[in-house]
Amino acid sequence: MGRGRGITAPPHTIHDGAPAGPGNRPTPSLLTEVRERGCGGVWSLSPRRADFHYEAYRVLAEDRFVIPLFESPRPDRWSSYSYALIDDRGTLLGELESPGRGDSSPIPGEHYAVVTDPARGRAYHVNRSGLYMWDADGRLLARLPTTEKAYKGLRHLKPMACAPDGTLILIRPEHGLMLDIEIPDDLADLGPVVAEALADHNRRRNRLKKEWKPIDWRWVEDEAPLAHL
């Protein structure tokens, strides 16, 4: 329910043996810890900017989670944010090494998401500045910058998920097209693998465009059978 009278604690969320809610929440809060430990840079204390919000968390390992935190519901590229790492008790362990603010920020284009491969303890993020890959401790393992021609196509893609075999799945939302990238075991091969996947994606997209002639990038099949419910 909303704010005010009648707020009830959700029965499926337990803290200290009772439903979590008003009067029964972990302290200090995750946001307080992130801000006090300086994760994500300097967080504004202005009431105007204190309306924090969470993005969807991701499981990074059996006892480890990533929670993206952003300073404001309407952040800009200079706003503070953190991809916080917590354990299965809610303890703040640290954060993924930040891509940065300004031109490296995930906020332009709303590239907020992180996806994870729990079996291999890896996390991925894609924004207009490039592709980022971390280990389960938050250390940056690889960065492929979109300033390099081979990776320029990453600017238009967003991460969706990781398949059970570790394949990274990206999507270009305005085209409704997905791209699968099979992550190599040897990270020295990551750049060439991603570059070839992007080039192949462009070739296949151009073939589809000629064949289907999408209208405003809507893929239409006039002869598809209709099923009446």
C-alpha atoms as a PDB file:
ATOM      1  CA  MET A   1       0.000   0.000   0.000  1.00  0.00           C
ATOM      2  CA  GLY A   2       1.007   3.652  -0.305  1.00  0.00           C
ATOM      3  CA  ARG A   3       2.298   6.047   2.300  1.00  0.00           C
ATOM      4  CA  GLY A   4       0.228   6.978   5.311  1.00  0.00           C
ATOM      5  CA  ARG A   5      -2.221   4.950   7.337  1.00  0.00           C
ATOM      6  CA  GLY A   6      -2.742   1.320   6.517  1.00  0.00           C
ATOM      7  CA  ILE A   7       0.878   0.488   5.595  1.00  0.00           C
ATOM      8  CA  THR A   8       1.469  -3.192   6.189  1.00  0.00           C
ATOM      9  CA  ALA A   9       4.698  -5.178   6.229  1.00  0.00           C
ATOM     10  CA  PRO A  10       5.079  -7.617   3.316  1.00  0.00           C
ATOM     11  CA  PRO A  11       4.827 -11.138   4.788  1.00  0.00           C
ATOM     12  CA  HIS A  12       7.337 -12.577   2.296  1.00  0.00           C
ATOM     13  CA  THR A  13      10.214 -10.315   3.476  1.00  0.00           C
ATOM     14  CA  ILE A  14      11.627 -11.314   6.866  1.00  0.00           C
ATOM     15  CA  HIS A  15      14.023  -9.379   9.092  1.00  0.00           C
ATOM     16  CA  ASP A  16      15.009 -10.598  12.581  1.00  0.00           C
ATOM     17  CA  GLY A  17      12.301 -13.261  12.428  1.00  0.00           C
ATOM     18  CA  ALA A  18       9.448 -10.881  11.589  1.00  0.00           C
ATOM     19  CA  PRO A  19       8.050  -9.254   8.429  1.00  0.00           C
ATOM     20  CA  ALA A  20      10.221  -6.334   7.347  1.00  0.00           C
ATOM     21  CA  GLY A  21       8.492  -2.970   7.269  1.00  0.00           C
ATOM     22  CA  PRO A  22       7.915   0.152   9.356  1.00  0.00           C
ATOM     23  CA  GLY A  23       9.770  -0.240  12.634  1.00  0.00           C
ATOM     24  CA  ASN A  24      11.552  -3.409  11.542  1.00  0.00           C
ATOM     25  CA  ARG A  25      14.206  -2.624   8.966  1.00  0.00           C
ATOM     26  CA  PRO A  26      17.936  -3.355   8.857  1.00  0.00           C
ATOM     27  CA  THR A  27      20.093  -0.492  10.102  1.00  0.00           C
ATOM     28  CA  PRO A  28      22.055   1.238   8.835  1.00  0.00           C
ATOM     29  CA  SER A  29      20.330   1.220   5.471  1.00  0.00           C
ATOM     30  CA  LEU A  30      22.231   0.171   2.356  1.00  0.00           C
ATOM     31  CA  LEU A  31      21.975   3.699   0.985  1.00  0.00           C
ATOM     32  CA  THR A  32      23.467   5.112   4.183  1.00  0.00           C
ATOM     33  CA  GLU A  33      26.389   2.686   4.023  1.00  0.00           C
ATOM     34  CA  VAL A  34      27.022   3.345   0.335  1.00  0.00           C
ATOM     35  CA  ARG A  35      27.044   7.078   0.919  1.00  0.00           C
ATOM     36  CA  GLU A  36      29.185   6.976   4.081  1.00  0.00           C
ATOM     37  CA  ARG A  37      31.765   4.650   2.508  1.00  0.00           C
ATOM     38  CA  GLY A  38      32.042   6.846  -0.560  1.00  0.00           C
ATOM     39  CA  CYS A  39      30.923   4.194  -3.029  1.00  0.00           C
ATOM     40  CA  GLY A  40      30.027   5.795  -6.337  1.00  0.00           C
ATOM     41  CA  GLY A  41      31.676   9.095  -5.482  1.00  0.00           C
ATOM     42  CA  VAL A  42      30.235  12.006  -3.517  1.00  0.00           C
ATOM     43  CA  TRP A  43      26.501  11.660  -2.916  1.00  0.00           C
ATOM     44  CA  SER A  44      24.434  14.802  -2.665  1.00  0.00           C
ATOM     45  CA  LEU A  45      22.845  15.495   0.698  1.00  0.00           C
ATOM     46  CA  SER A  46      20.430  18.036  -0.742  1.00  0.00           C
ATOM     47  CA  PRO A  47      16.784  17.093  -0.049  1.00  0.00           C
ATOM     48  CA  ARG A  48      16.084  17.878  -3.685  1.00  0.00           C
ATOM     49  CA  ARG A  49      18.465  15.103  -4.754  1.00  0.00           C
ATOM     50  CA  ALA A  50      17.894  12.653  -1.897  1.00  0.00           C
ATOM     51  CA  ASP A  51      15.174  10.620  -3.613  1.00  0.00           C
ATOM     52  CA  PHE A  52      17.284   7.521  -4.231  1.00  0.00           C
ATOM     53  CA  HIS A  53      15.973   4.575  -6.169  1.00  0.00           C
ATOM     54  CA  TYR A  54      17.020   0.997  -6.804  1.00  0.00           C
ATOM     55  CA  GLU A  55      17.295  -0.824 -10.095  1.00  0.00           C
ATOM     56  CA  ALA A  56      16.780  -4.577 -10.346  1.00  0.00           C
ATOM     57  CA  TYR A  57      19.343  -6.553  -8.383  1.00  0.00           C
ATOM     58  CA  ARG A  58      21.345  -9.400  -9.927  1.00  0.00           C
ATOM     59  CA  VAL A  59      22.771 -12.589  -8.419  1.00  0.00           C
ATOM     60  CA  LEU A  60      26.550 -12.602  -8.870  1.00  0.00           C
ATOM     61  CA  ALA A  61      27.390 -15.691  -6.789  1.00  0.00           C
ATOM     62  CA  GLU A  62      25.668 -17.977  -4.305  1.00  0.00           C
ATOM     63  CA  ASP A  63      26.259 -15.452  -1.521  1.00  0.00           C
ATOM     64  CA  ARG A  64      26.707 -12.234  -3.475  1.00  0.00           C
ATOM     65  CA  PHE A  65      24.429  -9.746  -5.221  1.00  0.00           C
ATOM     66  CA  VAL A  66      24.753  -6.561  -7.280  1.00  0.00           C
ATOM     67  CA  ILE A  67      22.324  -3.714  -6.589  1.00  0.00           C
ATOM     68  CA  PRO A  68      22.501  -0.658  -8.875  1.00  0.00           C
ATOM     69  CA  LEU A  69      21.790   2.536  -6.912  1.00  0.00           C
ATOM     70  CA  PHE A  70      21.187   5.946  -8.475  1.00  0.00           C
ATOM     71  CA  GLU A  71      21.070   9.274  -6.731  1.00  0.00           C
ATOM     72  CA  SER A  72      17.802  10.494  -8.179  1.00  0.00           C
ATOM     73  CA  PRO A  73      14.831   9.281 -10.226  1.00  0.00           C
ATOM     74  CA  ARG A  74      15.928  11.899 -12.776  1.00  0.00           C
ATOM     75  CA  PRO A  75      19.716  11.624 -12.725  1.00  0.00           C
ATOM     76  CA  ASP A  76      22.046  13.241 -15.225  1.00  0.00           C
ATOM     77  CA  ARG A  77      25.450  12.118 -16.418  1.00  0.00           C
ATOM     78  CA  TRP A  78      27.157  13.801 -13.467  1.00  0.00           C
ATOM     79  CA  SER A  79      24.896  12.198 -10.844  1.00  0.00           C
ATOM     80  CA  SER A  80      26.366   9.753  -8.363  1.00  0.00           C
ATOM     81  CA  TYR A  81      25.569   6.063  -8.645  1.00  0.00           C
ATOM     82  CA  SER A  82      26.951   2.758  -7.429  1.00  0.00           C
ATOM     83  CA  TYR A  83      26.757  -0.887  -8.426  1.00  0.00           C
ATOM     84  CA  ALA A  84      26.844  -2.061  -4.830  1.00  0.00           C
ATOM     85  CA  LEU A  85      27.985  -5.550  -3.823  1.00  0.00           C
ATOM     86  CA  ILE A  86      26.196  -7.127  -0.870  1.00  0.00           C
ATOM     87  CA  ASP A  87      26.297 -10.596   0.668  1.00  0.00           C
ATOM     88  CA  ASP A  88      23.363 -12.848   1.515  1.00  0.00           C
ATOM     89  CA  ARG A  89      23.012 -11.110   4.900  1.00  0.00           C
ATOM     90  CA  GLY A  90      22.677  -7.682   3.329  1.00  0.00           C
ATOM     91  CA  THR A  91      26.185  -6.578   4.325  1.00  0.00           C
ATOM     92  CA  LEU A  92      27.818  -4.090   1.983  1.00  0.00           C
ATOM     93  CA  LEU A  93      31.020  -5.653   0.636  1.00  0.00           C
ATOM     94  CA  GLY A  94      31.992  -2.910  -1.794  1.00  0.00           C
ATOM     95  CA  GLU A  95      31.030  -2.125  -5.352  1.00  0.00           C
ATOM     96  CA  LEU A  96      31.868  -2.853  -8.955  1.00  0.00           C
ATOM     97  CA  GLU A  97      34.660  -0.544 -10.101  1.00  0.00           C
ATOM     98  CA  SER A  98      32.705   2.367 -11.498  1.00  0.00           C
ATOM     99  CA  PRO A  99      32.702   3.148 -15.229  1.00  0.00           C
ATOM    100  CA  GLY A 100      32.747   6.790 -14.126  1.00  0.00           C
ATOM    101  CA  ARG A 101      30.614   9.854 -14.696  1.00  0.00           C
ATOM    102  CA  GLY A 102      30.343  12.283 -17.573  1.00  0.00           C
ATOM    103  CA  ASP A 103      30.940  10.558 -20.906  1.00  0.00           C
ATOM    104  CA  SER A 104      31.339   7.185 -19.150  1.00  0.00           C
ATOM    105  CA  SER A 105      28.100   7.430 -17.174  1.00  0.00           C
ATOM    106  CA  PRO A 106      25.371   4.829 -17.737  1.00  0.00           C
ATOM    107  CA  ILE A 107      22.691   7.480 -17.344  1.00  0.00           C
ATOM    108  CA  PRO A 108      22.577   8.949 -20.890  1.00  0.00           C
ATOM    109  CA  GLY A 109      20.264   6.665 -22.830  1.00  0.00           C
ATOM    110  CA  GLU A 110      19.179   4.976 -19.573  1.00  0.00           C
ATOM    111  CA  HIS A 111      21.782   2.216 -19.733  1.00  0.00           C
ATOM    112  CA  TYR A 112      21.297   1.369 -16.058  1.00  0.00           C
ATOM    113  CA  ALA A 113      21.305  -2.421 -16.082  1.00  0.00           C
ATOM    114  CA  VAL A 114      23.967  -4.880 -15.010  1.00  0.00           C
ATOM    115  CA  VAL A 115      23.662  -8.578 -15.884  1.00  0.00           C
ATOM    116  CA  THR A 116      25.514 -11.421 -14.236  1.00  0.00           C
ATOM    117  CA  ASP A 117      26.860 -14.901 -14.882  1.00  0.00           C
ATOM    118  CA  PRO A 118      26.745 -16.495 -11.403  1.00  0.00           C
ATOM    119  CA  ALA A 119      28.329 -19.776 -12.524  1.00  0.00           C
ATOM    120  CA  ARG A 120      31.508 -17.914 -13.479  1.00  0.00           C
ATOM    121  CA  GLY A 121      31.253 -14.994 -11.046  1.00  0.00           C
ATOM    122  CA  ARG A 122      31.145 -12.310 -13.714  1.00  0.00           C
ATOM    123  CA  ALA A 123      29.132  -9.128 -14.168  1.00  0.00           C
ATOM    124  CA  TYR A 124      28.591  -7.134 -17.370  1.00  0.00           C
ATOM    125  CA  HIS A 125      27.416  -3.657 -18.230  1.00  0.00           C
ATOM    126  CA  VAL A 126      27.057  -1.866 -21.556  1.00  0.00           C
ATOM    127  CA  ASN A 127      26.514   1.850 -22.031  1.00  0.00           C
ATOM    128  CA  ARG A 128      27.379   4.451 -24.640  1.00  0.00           C
ATOM    129  CA  SER A 129      31.019   4.424 -23.561  1.00  0.00           C
ATOM    130  CA  GLY A 130      31.611   0.690 -23.931  1.00  0.00           C
ATOM    131  CA  LEU A 131      31.317  -2.815 -22.517  1.00  0.00           C
ATOM    132  CA  TYR A 132      32.482  -3.498 -18.969  1.00  0.00           C
ATOM    133  CA  MET A 133      33.211  -6.840 -17.313  1.00  0.00           C
ATOM    134  CA  TRP A 134      33.937  -7.491 -13.613  1.00  0.00           C
ATOM    135  CA  ASP A 135      34.766 -10.455 -11.392  1.00  0.00           C
ATOM    136  CA  ALA A 136      32.807 -11.421  -8.256  1.00  0.00           C
ATOM    137  CA  ASP A 137      34.926  -9.087  -6.107  1.00  0.00           C
ATOM    138  CA  GLY A 138      34.075  -6.075  -8.255  1.00  0.00           C
ATOM    139  CA  ARG A 139      37.449  -5.845 -10.021  1.00  0.00           C
ATOM    140  CA  LEU A 140      37.250  -4.607 -13.597  1.00  0.00           C
ATOM    141  CA  LEU A 141      38.469  -7.388 -15.880  1.00  0.00           C
ATOM    142  CA  ALA A 142      37.870  -5.797 -19.275  1.00  0.00           C
ATOM    143  CA  ARG A 143      36.628  -2.628 -20.941  1.00  0.00           C
ATOM    144  CA  LEU A 144      35.934  -2.296 -24.652  1.00  0.00           C
ATOM    145  CA  PRO A 145      35.525   1.413 -25.463  1.00  0.00           C
ATOM    146  CA  THR A 146      33.140   2.646 -28.143  1.00  0.00           C
ATOM    147  CA  THR A 147      35.758   5.213 -29.157  1.00  0.00           C
ATOM    148  CA  GLU A 148      37.329   2.313 -31.068  1.00  0.00           C
ATOM    149  CA  LYS A 149      35.626   1.687 -34.401  1.00  0.00           C
ATOM    150  CA  ALA A 150      35.267  -2.070 -33.869  1.00  0.00           C
ATOM    151  CA  TYR A 151      33.121  -1.531 -30.758  1.00  0.00           C
ATOM    152  CA  LYS A 152      31.146   1.524 -31.843  1.00  0.00           C
ATOM    153  CA  GLY A 153      27.983  -0.549 -32.286  1.00  0.00           C
ATOM    154  CA  LEU A 154      27.854  -1.167 -28.534  1.00  0.00           C
ATOM    155  CA  ARG A 155      26.523   2.378 -28.097  1.00  0.00           C
ATOM    156  CA  HIS A 156      23.082   1.253 -29.244  1.00  0.00           C
ATOM    157  CA  LEU A 157      22.872  -1.993 -27.247  1.00  0.00           C
ATOM    158  CA  LYS A 158      21.699  -2.824 -23.736  1.00  0.00           C
ATOM    159  CA  PRO A 159      22.349  -5.982 -21.700  1.00  0.00           C
ATOM    160  CA  MET A 160      19.424  -8.369 -21.206  1.00  0.00           C
ATOM    161  CA  ALA A 161      20.838 -11.454 -19.493  1.00  0.00           C
ATOM    162  CA  CYS A 162      23.504 -14.127 -19.428  1.00  0.00           C
ATOM    163  CA  ALA A 163      22.590 -17.608 -20.648  1.00  0.00           C
ATOM    164  CA  PRO A 164      23.494 -20.630 -18.473  1.00  0.00           C
ATOM    165  CA  ASP A 165      26.543 -21.292 -20.665  1.00  0.00           C
ATOM    166  CA  GLY A 166      27.821 -17.753 -20.044  1.00  0.00           C
ATOM    167  CA  THR A 167      26.688 -16.246 -23.351  1.00  0.00           C
ATOM    168  CA  LEU A 168      26.054 -12.507 -23.009  1.00  0.00           C
ATOM    169  CA  ILE A 169      22.723 -11.442 -24.517  1.00  0.00           C
ATOM    170  CA  LEU A 170      22.312  -7.829 -25.659  1.00  0.00           C
ATOM    171  CA  ILE A 171      19.377  -6.080 -27.307  1.00  0.00           C
ATOM    172  CA  ARG A 172      18.892  -3.018 -29.459  1.00  0.00           C
ATOM    173  CA  PRO A 173      15.462  -1.958 -28.150  1.00  0.00           C
ATOM    174  CA  GLU A 174      14.375   0.280 -31.015  1.00  0.00           C
ATOM    175  CA  HIS A 175      15.055  -2.504 -33.541  1.00  0.00           C
ATOM    176  CA  GLY A 176      13.818  -5.404 -31.427  1.00  0.00           C
ATOM    177  CA  LEU A 177      16.938  -7.371 -32.354  1.00  0.00           C
ATOM    178  CA  MET A 178      19.158  -9.345 -29.989  1.00  0.00           C
ATOM    179  CA  LEU A 179      22.849 -10.141 -30.134  1.00  0.00           C
ATOM    180  CA  ASP A 180      24.453 -13.179 -28.498  1.00  0.00           C
ATOM    181  CA  ILE A 181      28.141 -12.979 -27.597  1.00  0.00           C
ATOM    182  CA  GLU A 182      29.888 -16.195 -26.565  1.00  0.00           C
ATOM    183  CA  ILE A 183      32.363 -15.021 -23.946  1.00  0.00           C
ATOM    184  CA  PRO A 184      35.759 -16.730 -24.433  1.00  0.00           C
ATOM    185  CA  ASP A 185      37.600 -18.397 -21.556  1.00  0.00           C
ATOM    186  CA  ASP A 186      40.726 -16.418 -22.437  1.00  0.00           C
ATOM    187  CA  LEU A 187      39.864 -12.743 -21.946  1.00  0.00           C
ATOM    188  CA  ALA A 188      42.634 -11.798 -24.359  1.00  0.00           C
ATOM    189  CA  ASP A 189      40.232 -12.998 -27.049  1.00  0.00           C
ATOM    190  CA  LEU A 190      37.282 -10.942 -25.782  1.00  0.00           C
ATOM    191  CA  GLY A 191      37.920  -7.927 -28.025  1.00  0.00           C
ATOM    192  CA  PRO A 192      38.114  -9.861 -31.299  1.00  0.00           C
ATOM    193  CA  VAL A 193      35.091 -11.992 -30.346  1.00  0.00           C
ATOM    194  CA  VAL A 194      32.949  -8.935 -29.573  1.00  0.00           C
ATOM    195  CA  ALA A 195      34.132  -7.106 -32.706  1.00  0.00           C
ATOM    196  CA  GLU A 196      33.190 -10.071 -34.929  1.00  0.00           C
ATOM    197  CA  ALA A 197      29.830 -10.495 -33.172  1.00  0.00           C
ATOM    198  CA  LEU A 198      29.006  -6.820 -33.777  1.00  0.00           C
ATOM    199  CA  ALA A 199      30.052  -7.008 -37.426  1.00  0.00           C
ATOM    200  CA  ASP A 200      27.953 -10.150 -37.958  1.00  0.00           C
ATOM    201  CA  HIS A 201      25.008  -8.499 -36.205  1.00  0.00           C
ATOM    202  CA  ASN A 202      25.180  -5.558 -38.611  1.00  0.00           C
ATOM    203  CA  ARG A 203      25.346  -7.842 -41.649  1.00  0.00           C
ATOM    204  CA  ARG A 204      22.382  -9.895 -40.499  1.00  0.00           C
ATOM    205  CA  ARG A 205      20.373  -6.787 -39.598  1.00  0.00           C
ATOM    206  CA  ASN A 206      20.930  -5.345 -43.065  1.00  0.00           C
ATOM    207  CA  ARG A 207      19.798  -8.595 -44.692  1.00  0.00           C
ATOM    208  CA  LEU A 208      16.668  -8.661 -42.537  1.00  0.00           C
ATOM    209  CA  LYS A 209      15.948  -5.050 -43.370  1.00  0.00           C
ATOM    210  CA  LYS A 210      16.033  -5.787 -47.108  1.00  0.00           C
ATOM    211  CA  GLU A 211      13.914  -8.928 -46.733  1.00  0.00           C
ATOM    212  CA  TRP A 212      11.257  -7.657 -44.317  1.00  0.00           C
ATOM    213  CA  LYS A 213      11.266  -3.909 -45.080  1.00  0.00           C
ATOM    214  CA  PRO A 214      10.270  -2.921 -41.535  1.00  0.00           C
ATOM    215  CA  ILE A 215       8.144   0.173 -41.011  1.00  0.00           C
ATOM    216  CA  ASP A 216       9.640   2.322 -38.236  1.00  0.00           C
ATOM    217  CA  TRP A 217      11.627  -0.805 -37.329  1.00  0.00           C
ATOM    218  CA  ARG A 218       8.471  -2.833 -36.749  1.00  0.00           C
ATOM    219  CA  TRP A 219       8.799  -6.299 -38.212  1.00  0.00           C
ATOM    220  CA  VAL A 220       5.470  -7.056 -39.937  1.00  0.00           C
ATOM    221  CA  GLU A 221       4.258 -10.375 -41.346  1.00  0.00           C
ATOM    222  CA  ASP A 222       1.062  -9.831 -43.358  1.00  0.00           C
ATOM    223  CA  GLU A 223       0.476 -13.531 -43.979  1.00  0.00           C
ATOM    224  CA  ALA A 224       0.961 -14.778 -40.438  1.00  0.00           C
ATOM    225  CA  PRO A 225      -2.005 -16.871 -39.213  1.00  0.00           C
ATOM    226  CA  LEU A 226      -4.257 -15.312 -36.614  1.00  0.00           C
ATOM    227  CA  ALA A 227      -5.266 -17.229 -33.512  1.00  0.00           C
ATOM    228  CA  HIS A 228      -8.577 -16.162 -31.983  1.00  0.00           C
ATOM    229  CA  LEU A 229      -8.752 -16.560 -28.219  1.00  0.00           C
END
